[in-house]
Amino acid sequence: MITFQPVAEEAKPDYGIVRKMAEKMREMGMNGLAVTVESLVEHSEWTRDEVKRFAPEAADLAKSMSVVDRRAA
């Protein structure tokens, strides 16, 4: 029988912020805004440290989401 053990909260990555940031990046890009650390801080609730920490992964996700959208169209 397969059993699962719970993962400690501190060990779980925060994928929620990455996905939200990726969606915000796409929204800003579609509205003609340059997506920079400063612009993300200005147009969101995230701190500069959060943006610097999660932006690289969020940018990759945003690009992937855009490629999927283009292929579906």
N, C-alpha and C. Protein backbone atom coordinates (compact mmCIF):
# COMPACT_ATOMS: atom_id res chain seq x y z
N MET A 1 0.83 -1.18 0.00
CA MET A 1 0.00 0.00 0.00
C MET A 1 0.88 1.25 0.00
N ILE A 2 0.49 2.24 -0.77
CA ILE A 2 1.24 3.49 -0.85
C ILE A 2 0.71 4.45 0.20
N THR A 3 1.61 5.03 0.94
CA THR A 3 1.23 6.05 1.91
C THR A 3 2.00 7.33 1.61
N PHE A 4 1.41 8.45 1.95
CA PHE A 4 2.02 9.76 1.73
C PHE A 4 2.30 10.40 3.08
N GLN A 5 3.44 11.01 3.18
CA GLN A 5 3.78 11.73 4.39
C GLN A 5 3.64 13.23 4.13
N PRO A 6 3.08 13.95 5.07
CA PRO A 6 2.93 15.39 4.86
C PRO A 6 4.29 16.08 4.80
N VAL A 7 4.34 17.14 4.00
CA VAL A 7 5.55 17.94 3.88
C VAL A 7 5.41 19.15 4.81
N ALA A 8 6.46 19.46 5.51
CA ALA A 8 6.43 20.60 6.42
C ALA A 8 6.15 21.88 5.64
N GLU A 9 5.41 22.80 6.21
CA GLU A 9 5.03 24.04 5.53
C GLU A 9 6.24 24.82 5.03
N GLU A 10 7.31 24.88 5.81
CA GLU A 10 8.47 25.65 5.40
C GLU A 10 9.20 25.02 4.22
N ALA A 11 8.98 23.74 3.97
CA ALA A 11 9.64 23.06 2.86
C ALA A 11 8.88 23.23 1.54
N LYS A 12 7.62 23.62 1.60
CA LYS A 12 6.83 23.78 0.38
C LYS A 12 7.19 25.09 -0.31
N PRO A 13 7.48 25.06 -1.60
CA PRO A 13 7.73 26.31 -2.32
C PRO A 13 6.43 27.09 -2.49
N ASP A 14 6.54 28.39 -2.60
CA ASP A 14 5.36 29.23 -2.74
C ASP A 14 5.05 29.42 -4.23
N TYR A 15 4.38 28.43 -4.83
CA TYR A 15 4.05 28.52 -6.25
C TYR A 15 2.95 29.54 -6.50
N GLY A 16 2.17 29.88 -5.48
CA GLY A 16 1.09 30.84 -5.67
C GLY A 16 1.61 32.19 -6.11
N ILE A 17 2.65 32.67 -5.45
CA ILE A 17 3.19 33.99 -5.79
C ILE A 17 3.85 33.96 -7.17
N VAL A 18 4.46 32.85 -7.52
CA VAL A 18 5.10 32.75 -8.83
C VAL A 18 4.05 32.81 -9.93
N ARG A 19 2.98 32.07 -9.78
CA ARG A 19 1.91 32.08 -10.78
C ARG A 19 1.25 33.46 -10.86
N LYS A 20 0.98 34.07 -9.72
CA LYS A 20 0.36 35.41 -9.73
C LYS A 20 1.27 36.43 -10.37
N MET A 21 2.57 36.32 -10.07
CA MET A 21 3.53 37.26 -10.65
C MET A 21 3.63 37.05 -12.15
N ALA A 22 3.61 35.81 -12.60
CA ALA A 22 3.65 35.52 -14.03
C ALA A 22 2.43 36.11 -14.74
N GLU A 23 1.27 35.95 -14.13
CA GLU A 23 0.06 36.50 -14.72
C GLU A 23 0.12 38.02 -14.76
N LYS A 24 0.67 38.63 -13.72
CA LYS A 24 0.81 40.09 -13.68
C LYS A 24 1.79 40.56 -14.76
N MET A 25 2.88 39.80 -14.95
CA MET A 25 3.84 40.15 -16.00
C MET A 25 3.19 40.11 -17.37
N ARG A 26 2.41 39.07 -17.62
CA ARG A 26 1.72 38.95 -18.91
C ARG A 26 0.72 40.09 -19.10
N GLU A 27 -0.02 40.41 -18.04
CA GLU A 27 -1.00 41.49 -18.11
C GLU A 27 -0.30 42.82 -18.43
N MET A 28 0.80 43.08 -17.72
CA MET A 28 1.53 44.33 -17.96
C MET A 28 2.08 44.37 -19.38
N GLY A 29 2.63 43.26 -19.85
CA GLY A 29 3.17 43.21 -21.20
C GLY A 29 2.10 43.43 -22.26
N MET A 30 0.92 42.85 -22.05
CA MET A 30 -0.17 43.01 -23.01
C MET A 30 -0.69 44.45 -23.03
N ASN A 31 -0.48 45.17 -21.93
CA ASN A 31 -0.91 46.57 -21.86
C ASN A 31 0.19 47.53 -22.27
N GLY A 32 1.29 46.99 -22.79
CA GLY A 32 2.36 47.83 -23.29
C GLY A 32 3.29 48.39 -22.23
N LEU A 33 3.24 47.85 -21.02
CA LEU A 33 4.11 48.32 -19.96
C LEU A 33 5.38 47.48 -19.92
N ALA A 34 6.51 48.12 -19.71
CA ALA A 34 7.76 47.38 -19.54
C ALA A 34 7.73 46.67 -18.19
N VAL A 35 8.14 45.43 -18.17
CA VAL A 35 8.14 44.64 -16.94
C VAL A 35 9.53 44.66 -16.35
N THR A 36 9.69 45.44 -15.30
CA THR A 36 10.95 45.55 -14.58
C THR A 36 10.66 45.34 -13.10
N VAL A 37 11.72 45.24 -12.31
CA VAL A 37 11.54 45.11 -10.87
C VAL A 37 10.75 46.31 -10.34
N GLU A 38 11.13 47.48 -10.78
CA GLU A 38 10.46 48.70 -10.31
C GLU A 38 8.99 48.75 -10.71
N SER A 39 8.71 48.37 -11.96
CA SER A 39 7.32 48.43 -12.41
C SER A 39 6.46 47.37 -11.72
N LEU A 40 7.03 46.20 -11.45
CA LEU A 40 6.27 45.17 -10.73
C LEU A 40 5.96 45.62 -9.30
N VAL A 41 6.93 46.24 -8.65
CA VAL A 41 6.70 46.74 -7.29
C VAL A 41 5.62 47.82 -7.32
N GLU A 42 5.70 48.69 -8.32
CA GLU A 42 4.76 49.80 -8.43
C GLU A 42 3.34 49.35 -8.73
N HIS A 43 3.19 48.30 -9.53
CA HIS A 43 1.86 47.86 -9.97
C HIS A 43 1.35 46.61 -9.23
N SER A 44 1.93 46.31 -8.09
CA SER A 44 1.49 45.12 -7.35
C SER A 44 1.64 45.33 -5.86
N GLU A 45 1.32 44.29 -5.12
CA GLU A 45 1.42 44.33 -3.67
C GLU A 45 2.73 43.74 -3.16
N TRP A 46 3.62 43.32 -4.07
CA TRP A 46 4.85 42.65 -3.67
C TRP A 46 5.94 43.65 -3.32
N THR A 47 6.82 43.22 -2.44
CA THR A 47 7.97 44.04 -2.07
C THR A 47 9.08 43.83 -3.10
N ARG A 48 10.05 44.71 -3.07
CA ARG A 48 11.20 44.61 -3.98
C ARG A 48 11.93 43.28 -3.77
N ASP A 49 12.07 42.85 -2.52
CA ASP A 49 12.74 41.58 -2.23
C ASP A 49 11.97 40.39 -2.80
N GLU A 50 10.64 40.41 -2.67
CA GLU A 50 9.82 39.33 -3.22
C GLU A 50 9.95 39.28 -4.74
N VAL A 51 9.94 40.45 -5.37
CA VAL A 51 10.05 40.49 -6.83
C VAL A 51 11.41 39.95 -7.26
N LYS A 52 12.46 40.38 -6.60
CA LYS A 52 13.80 39.90 -6.95
C LYS A 52 13.93 38.40 -6.75
N ARG A 53 13.26 37.87 -5.73
CA ARG A 53 13.35 36.44 -5.42
C ARG A 53 12.57 35.58 -6.42
N PHE A 54 11.36 36.00 -6.75
CA PHE A 54 10.47 35.17 -7.55
C PHE A 54 10.39 35.54 -9.03
N ALA A 55 10.87 36.71 -9.42
CA ALA A 55 10.71 37.17 -10.80
C ALA A 55 11.36 36.27 -11.85
N PRO A 56 12.56 35.74 -11.62
CA PRO A 56 13.13 34.88 -12.67
C PRO A 56 12.26 33.67 -12.99
N GLU A 57 11.77 33.01 -11.96
CA GLU A 57 10.90 31.84 -12.18
C GLU A 57 9.56 32.27 -12.78
N ALA A 58 9.04 33.41 -12.32
CA ALA A 58 7.77 33.91 -12.84
C ALA A 58 7.91 34.30 -14.31
N ALA A 59 9.04 34.87 -14.70
CA ALA A 59 9.25 35.26 -16.09
C ALA A 59 9.28 34.02 -16.99
N ASP A 60 9.95 32.96 -16.52
CA ASP A 60 9.97 31.71 -17.28
C ASP A 60 8.56 31.15 -17.44
N LEU A 61 7.79 31.18 -16.36
CA LEU A 61 6.43 30.68 -16.41
C LEU A 61 5.58 31.53 -17.36
N ALA A 62 5.73 32.84 -17.29
CA ALA A 62 4.97 33.74 -18.16
C ALA A 62 5.27 33.46 -19.63
N LYS A 63 6.53 33.23 -19.95
CA LYS A 63 6.91 32.90 -21.33
C LYS A 63 6.27 31.58 -21.76
N SER A 64 6.31 30.60 -20.87
CA SER A 64 5.71 29.30 -21.19
C SER A 64 4.21 29.43 -21.41
N MET A 65 3.56 30.21 -20.57
CA MET A 65 2.12 30.41 -20.70
C MET A 65 1.80 31.09 -22.03
N SER A 66 2.63 32.03 -22.45
CA SER A 66 2.40 32.73 -23.71
C SER A 66 2.58 31.81 -24.90
N VAL A 67 3.56 30.93 -24.84
CA VAL A 67 3.78 29.99 -25.93
C VAL A 67 2.60 29.05 -26.06
N VAL A 68 2.08 28.57 -24.95
CA VAL A 68 0.90 27.69 -24.97
C VAL A 68 -0.29 28.42 -25.56
N ASP A 69 -0.50 29.69 -25.19
CA ASP A 69 -1.61 30.46 -25.73
C ASP A 69 -1.49 30.64 -27.23
N ARG A 70 -0.28 30.89 -27.73
CA ARG A 70 -0.09 31.08 -29.17
C ARG A 70 -0.34 29.79 -29.93
N ARG A 71 0.06 28.67 -29.36
CA ARG A 71 -0.16 27.40 -30.03
C ARG A 71 -1.63 27.02 -30.06
N ALA A 72 -2.37 27.42 -29.03
CA ALA A 72 -3.79 27.07 -28.95
C ALA A 72 -4.62 27.91 -29.91
N ALA A 73 -4.12 29.07 -30.27
CA ALA A 73 -4.88 29.98 -31.14
C ALA A 73 -4.86 29.58 -32.58
